[in-house]
Amino acid sequence: MKRMVVWKANLEANKSRKEGRKISHGIALKDLHMKEISKAAHELKLNPQVENKKHPRGVDGRVLVDKKHSKIKTLKLISDEIRKMRKE
């Protein structure tokens, strides 16, 4: 199965679009940790693999996941899952 890269910067609310955020500011997350991304991807059965790489815009951390949906849909699903985990 094909894999896709989910950078921590893609989901962070404090990043601008130029800095790598891919989803709207309203659903982006504050105080995000790589463990949360990995756990959310695991819950979504995306087979996450954490890598300590540096984003071209300077943010550390990425997760490789199975490509089951488009990039934006995958990011929104991960964001929603992290919100659910934080409420528990």
N, C-alpha and C. Protein backbone atom coordinates (compact mmCIF):
# COMPACT_ATOMS: atom_id res chain seq x y z
N MET A 1 0.84 -1.18 0.00
CA MET A 1 0.00 0.00 0.00
C MET A 1 0.89 1.25 0.00
N LYS A 2 0.41 2.27 -0.68
CA LYS A 2 1.15 3.54 -0.72
C LYS A 2 1.14 4.20 0.65
N ARG A 3 2.17 4.99 0.92
CA ARG A 3 2.31 5.70 2.19
C ARG A 3 2.27 7.21 1.92
N MET A 4 1.92 7.96 2.96
CA MET A 4 1.92 9.42 2.86
C MET A 4 2.57 9.98 4.11
N VAL A 5 3.16 11.15 3.97
CA VAL A 5 3.83 11.80 5.09
C VAL A 5 2.88 12.81 5.73
N VAL A 6 2.74 12.70 7.06
CA VAL A 6 1.99 13.68 7.84
C VAL A 6 3.00 14.41 8.72
N TRP A 7 3.26 15.66 8.36
CA TRP A 7 4.16 16.48 9.16
C TRP A 7 3.39 17.08 10.33
N LYS A 8 4.05 17.22 11.45
CA LYS A 8 3.45 17.85 12.62
C LYS A 8 2.94 19.25 12.26
N ALA A 9 3.70 19.96 11.43
CA ALA A 9 3.33 21.32 11.01
C ALA A 9 2.01 21.35 10.24
N ASN A 10 1.64 20.25 9.59
CA ASN A 10 0.39 20.20 8.83
C ASN A 10 -0.84 20.37 9.71
N LEU A 11 -0.71 20.05 11.01
CA LEU A 11 -1.85 20.05 11.92
C LEU A 11 -1.80 21.13 12.99
N GLU A 12 -0.71 21.88 13.07
CA GLU A 12 -0.52 22.84 14.16
C GLU A 12 -1.24 24.17 13.90
N ALA A 13 -2.00 24.62 14.90
CA ALA A 13 -2.77 25.86 14.79
C ALA A 13 -1.88 27.09 14.78
N ASN A 14 -0.71 27.00 15.41
CA ASN A 14 0.16 28.18 15.48
C ASN A 14 1.04 28.35 14.24
N LYS A 15 0.85 27.52 13.24
CA LYS A 15 1.59 27.64 11.98
C LYS A 15 0.70 28.28 10.92
N SER A 16 1.31 29.06 10.06
CA SER A 16 0.57 29.64 8.94
C SER A 16 0.57 28.64 7.78
N ARG A 17 -0.18 28.96 6.76
CA ARG A 17 -0.17 28.11 5.57
C ARG A 17 1.24 28.08 4.95
N LYS A 18 1.92 29.21 4.98
CA LYS A 18 3.30 29.26 4.45
C LYS A 18 4.25 28.39 5.26
N GLU A 19 3.97 28.24 6.54
CA GLU A 19 4.82 27.45 7.41
C GLU A 19 4.48 25.97 7.39
N GLY A 20 3.45 25.59 6.62
CA GLY A 20 3.17 24.18 6.43
C GLY A 20 1.81 23.67 6.88
N ARG A 21 0.98 24.52 7.49
CA ARG A 21 -0.34 24.06 7.92
C ARG A 21 -1.19 23.76 6.69
N LYS A 22 -1.86 22.61 6.68
CA LYS A 22 -2.66 22.19 5.52
C LYS A 22 -4.15 22.25 5.76
N ILE A 23 -4.58 22.30 7.02
CA ILE A 23 -6.00 22.32 7.32
C ILE A 23 -6.39 23.69 7.87
N SER A 24 -7.69 23.98 7.89
CA SER A 24 -8.13 25.29 8.33
C SER A 24 -7.75 25.53 9.79
N HIS A 25 -7.60 26.80 10.11
CA HIS A 25 -7.18 27.18 11.46
C HIS A 25 -8.18 26.70 12.51
N GLY A 26 -9.44 26.64 12.15
CA GLY A 26 -10.48 26.23 13.09
C GLY A 26 -10.38 24.79 13.56
N ILE A 27 -9.85 23.91 12.71
CA ILE A 27 -9.73 22.50 13.11
C ILE A 27 -8.29 22.09 13.39
N ALA A 28 -7.36 23.03 13.21
CA ALA A 28 -5.96 22.76 13.55
C ALA A 28 -5.83 22.69 15.07
N LEU A 29 -4.74 22.10 15.56
CA LEU A 29 -4.58 21.81 16.98
C LEU A 29 -3.46 22.62 17.62
N LYS A 30 -3.66 22.98 18.89
CA LYS A 30 -2.63 23.66 19.66
C LYS A 30 -1.92 22.63 20.54
N ASP A 31 -0.69 22.92 20.92
CA ASP A 31 0.09 22.05 21.82
C ASP A 31 0.09 20.60 21.35
N LEU A 32 0.45 20.39 20.12
CA LEU A 32 0.42 19.07 19.49
C LEU A 32 1.71 18.31 19.75
N HIS A 33 1.59 17.01 20.02
CA HIS A 33 2.74 16.15 20.25
C HIS A 33 2.73 15.00 19.23
N MET A 34 3.91 14.53 18.89
CA MET A 34 4.02 13.45 17.91
C MET A 34 3.31 12.18 18.39
N LYS A 35 3.32 11.93 19.69
CA LYS A 35 2.65 10.74 20.23
C LYS A 35 1.15 10.79 19.94
N GLU A 36 0.57 11.99 20.00
CA GLU A 36 -0.86 12.13 19.72
C GLU A 36 -1.16 11.81 18.26
N ILE A 37 -0.32 12.29 17.35
CA ILE A 37 -0.52 12.01 15.93
C ILE A 37 -0.41 10.51 15.68
N SER A 38 0.61 9.90 16.25
CA SER A 38 0.83 8.47 16.06
C SER A 38 -0.33 7.65 16.63
N LYS A 39 -0.78 8.00 17.83
CA LYS A 39 -1.88 7.26 18.45
C LYS A 39 -3.17 7.42 17.66
N ALA A 40 -3.46 8.63 17.19
CA ALA A 40 -4.66 8.87 16.39
C ALA A 40 -4.61 8.07 15.09
N ALA A 41 -3.46 8.06 14.44
CA ALA A 41 -3.31 7.30 13.19
C ALA A 41 -3.48 5.81 13.46
N HIS A 42 -2.98 5.35 14.60
CA HIS A 42 -3.14 3.93 14.97
C HIS A 42 -4.63 3.60 15.17
N GLU A 43 -5.35 4.49 15.86
CA GLU A 43 -6.79 4.29 16.08
C GLU A 43 -7.55 4.25 14.76
N LEU A 44 -7.08 4.99 13.77
CA LEU A 44 -7.71 5.02 12.44
C LEU A 44 -7.21 3.90 11.53
N LYS A 45 -6.37 3.03 12.09
CA LYS A 45 -5.80 1.88 11.36
C LYS A 45 -5.01 2.31 10.12
N LEU A 46 -4.18 3.34 10.30
CA LEU A 46 -3.36 3.86 9.21
C LEU A 46 -1.91 3.38 9.29
N ASN A 47 -1.62 2.47 10.22
CA ASN A 47 -0.29 1.87 10.33
C ASN A 47 0.81 2.94 10.42
N PRO A 48 0.81 3.75 11.50
CA PRO A 48 1.76 4.87 11.60
C PRO A 48 3.20 4.42 11.89
N GLN A 49 4.12 5.17 11.34
CA GLN A 49 5.55 4.95 11.59
C GLN A 49 6.17 6.33 11.84
N VAL A 50 6.58 6.59 13.08
CA VAL A 50 7.13 7.89 13.46
C VAL A 50 8.58 8.00 13.01
N GLU A 51 8.92 9.14 12.42
CA GLU A 51 10.30 9.41 12.00
C GLU A 51 10.71 10.76 12.55
N ASN A 52 11.94 10.85 13.00
CA ASN A 52 12.45 12.11 13.53
C ASN A 52 13.16 12.87 12.41
N LYS A 53 12.37 13.40 11.52
CA LYS A 53 12.88 14.19 10.40
C LYS A 53 12.48 15.64 10.60
N LYS A 54 13.13 16.54 9.88
CA LYS A 54 12.86 17.96 10.02
C LYS A 54 12.11 18.47 8.78
N HIS A 55 11.01 19.16 9.01
CA HIS A 55 10.21 19.76 7.94
C HIS A 55 11.03 20.86 7.27
N PRO A 56 10.86 21.06 5.98
CA PRO A 56 11.60 22.13 5.29
C PRO A 56 11.42 23.51 5.93
N ARG A 57 10.33 23.73 6.63
CA ARG A 57 10.08 25.01 7.29
C ARG A 57 10.57 25.02 8.74
N GLY A 58 11.24 23.94 9.18
CA GLY A 58 11.90 23.95 10.48
C GLY A 58 11.23 23.21 11.61
N VAL A 59 10.09 22.56 11.39
CA VAL A 59 9.41 21.84 12.46
C VAL A 59 9.86 20.39 12.47
N ASP A 60 10.18 19.89 13.65
CA ASP A 60 10.61 18.49 13.77
C ASP A 60 9.42 17.55 13.82
N GLY A 61 9.57 16.39 13.23
CA GLY A 61 8.60 15.32 13.38
C GLY A 61 7.70 15.08 12.20
N ARG A 62 7.65 13.80 11.82
CA ARG A 62 6.69 13.39 10.79
C ARG A 62 6.28 11.96 11.07
N VAL A 63 5.13 11.60 10.53
CA VAL A 63 4.60 10.25 10.68
C VAL A 63 4.23 9.75 9.29
N LEU A 64 4.69 8.56 8.96
CA LEU A 64 4.29 7.92 7.71
C LEU A 64 3.04 7.10 8.00
N VAL A 65 2.02 7.27 7.16
CA VAL A 65 0.77 6.53 7.33
C VAL A 65 0.35 5.93 5.99
N ASP A 66 -0.50 4.91 6.06
CA ASP A 66 -1.05 4.32 4.84
C ASP A 66 -1.95 5.34 4.16
N LYS A 67 -1.90 5.37 2.83
CA LYS A 67 -2.72 6.31 2.06
C LYS A 67 -4.05 5.64 1.73
N LYS A 68 -5.05 5.90 2.57
CA LYS A 68 -6.39 5.37 2.35
C LYS A 68 -7.34 6.43 1.83
N HIS A 69 -6.98 7.71 2.06
CA HIS A 69 -7.81 8.85 1.66
C HIS A 69 -6.89 9.92 1.09
N SER A 70 -7.47 11.03 0.68
CA SER A 70 -6.64 12.15 0.23
C SER A 70 -5.88 12.71 1.44
N LYS A 71 -4.88 13.51 1.18
CA LYS A 71 -4.06 14.06 2.26
C LYS A 71 -4.92 14.92 3.20
N ILE A 72 -5.73 15.81 2.64
CA ILE A 72 -6.54 16.70 3.46
C ILE A 72 -7.54 15.91 4.29
N LYS A 73 -8.19 14.93 3.71
CA LYS A 73 -9.16 14.12 4.46
C LYS A 73 -8.46 13.36 5.58
N THR A 74 -7.28 12.82 5.30
CA THR A 74 -6.51 12.11 6.32
C THR A 74 -6.14 13.04 7.47
N LEU A 75 -5.70 14.25 7.15
CA LEU A 75 -5.34 15.22 8.19
C LEU A 75 -6.56 15.59 9.04
N LYS A 76 -7.71 15.77 8.40
CA LYS A 76 -8.93 16.10 9.14
C LYS A 76 -9.35 14.94 10.05
N LEU A 77 -9.23 13.71 9.56
CA LEU A 77 -9.57 12.54 10.38
C LEU A 77 -8.65 12.44 11.59
N ILE A 78 -7.35 12.66 11.38
CA ILE A 78 -6.39 12.62 12.48
C ILE A 78 -6.69 13.73 13.49
N SER A 79 -6.99 14.93 13.00
CA SER A 79 -7.32 16.05 13.88
C SER A 79 -8.56 15.73 14.71
N ASP A 80 -9.58 15.19 14.09
CA ASP A 80 -10.81 14.83 14.81
C ASP A 80 -10.54 13.77 15.87
N GLU A 81 -9.71 12.78 15.53
CA GLU A 81 -9.39 11.71 16.46
C GLU A 81 -8.61 12.23 17.66
N ILE A 82 -7.68 13.16 17.44
CA ILE A 82 -6.93 13.75 18.54
C ILE A 82 -7.87 14.54 19.45
N ARG A 83 -8.82 15.26 18.86
CA ARG A 83 -9.80 15.99 19.69
C ARG A 83 -10.60 15.04 20.57
N LYS A 84 -11.00 13.90 20.01
CA LYS A 84 -11.74 12.89 20.79
C LYS A 84 -10.87 12.35 21.92
N MET A 85 -9.59 12.07 21.63
CA MET A 85 -8.69 11.53 22.65
C MET A 85 -8.46 12.56 23.77
N ARG A 86 -8.39 13.82 23.45
CA ARG A 86 -8.16 14.85 24.45
C ARG A 86 -9.37 15.04 25.37
N LYS A 87 -10.56 14.76 24.87
CA LYS A 87 -11.77 14.92 25.67
C LYS A 87 -11.91 13.81 26.71
N GLU A 88 -11.32 12.65 26.44
CA GLU A 88 -11.45 11.51 27.34
C GLU A 88 -10.65 11.69 28.60
